[in-house]
Amino acid sequence: SKYAGTLGIPVLYKKERFEDILDMKPEHGAKQFFNKYPDEIVPVDFDLGAIDLDTKEDYYNFLQSKN
């Protein structure tokens, strides 16, 4: 998906790329895949993807911002 001017998750991959995904370094995330196969990317606009909820606090803050 594409949001906030960048590519990010969620991502759909070809079955042929599963081995590459398993070999990815977690600290680099999906960006390393995007850089390795840029010609296979078909971005889909997803503005809500910019919402980053990693912790309970993030979630509660998000809920508060909606009220």
Foldseek 3Di string as FASTA:
>chain_A
DDEPHDDDDDDDDDPVCVVVVVVDDVVVPCVVVCVVCVVPDDDDDDHVVVQDDDDVVSVVVVVVVVD
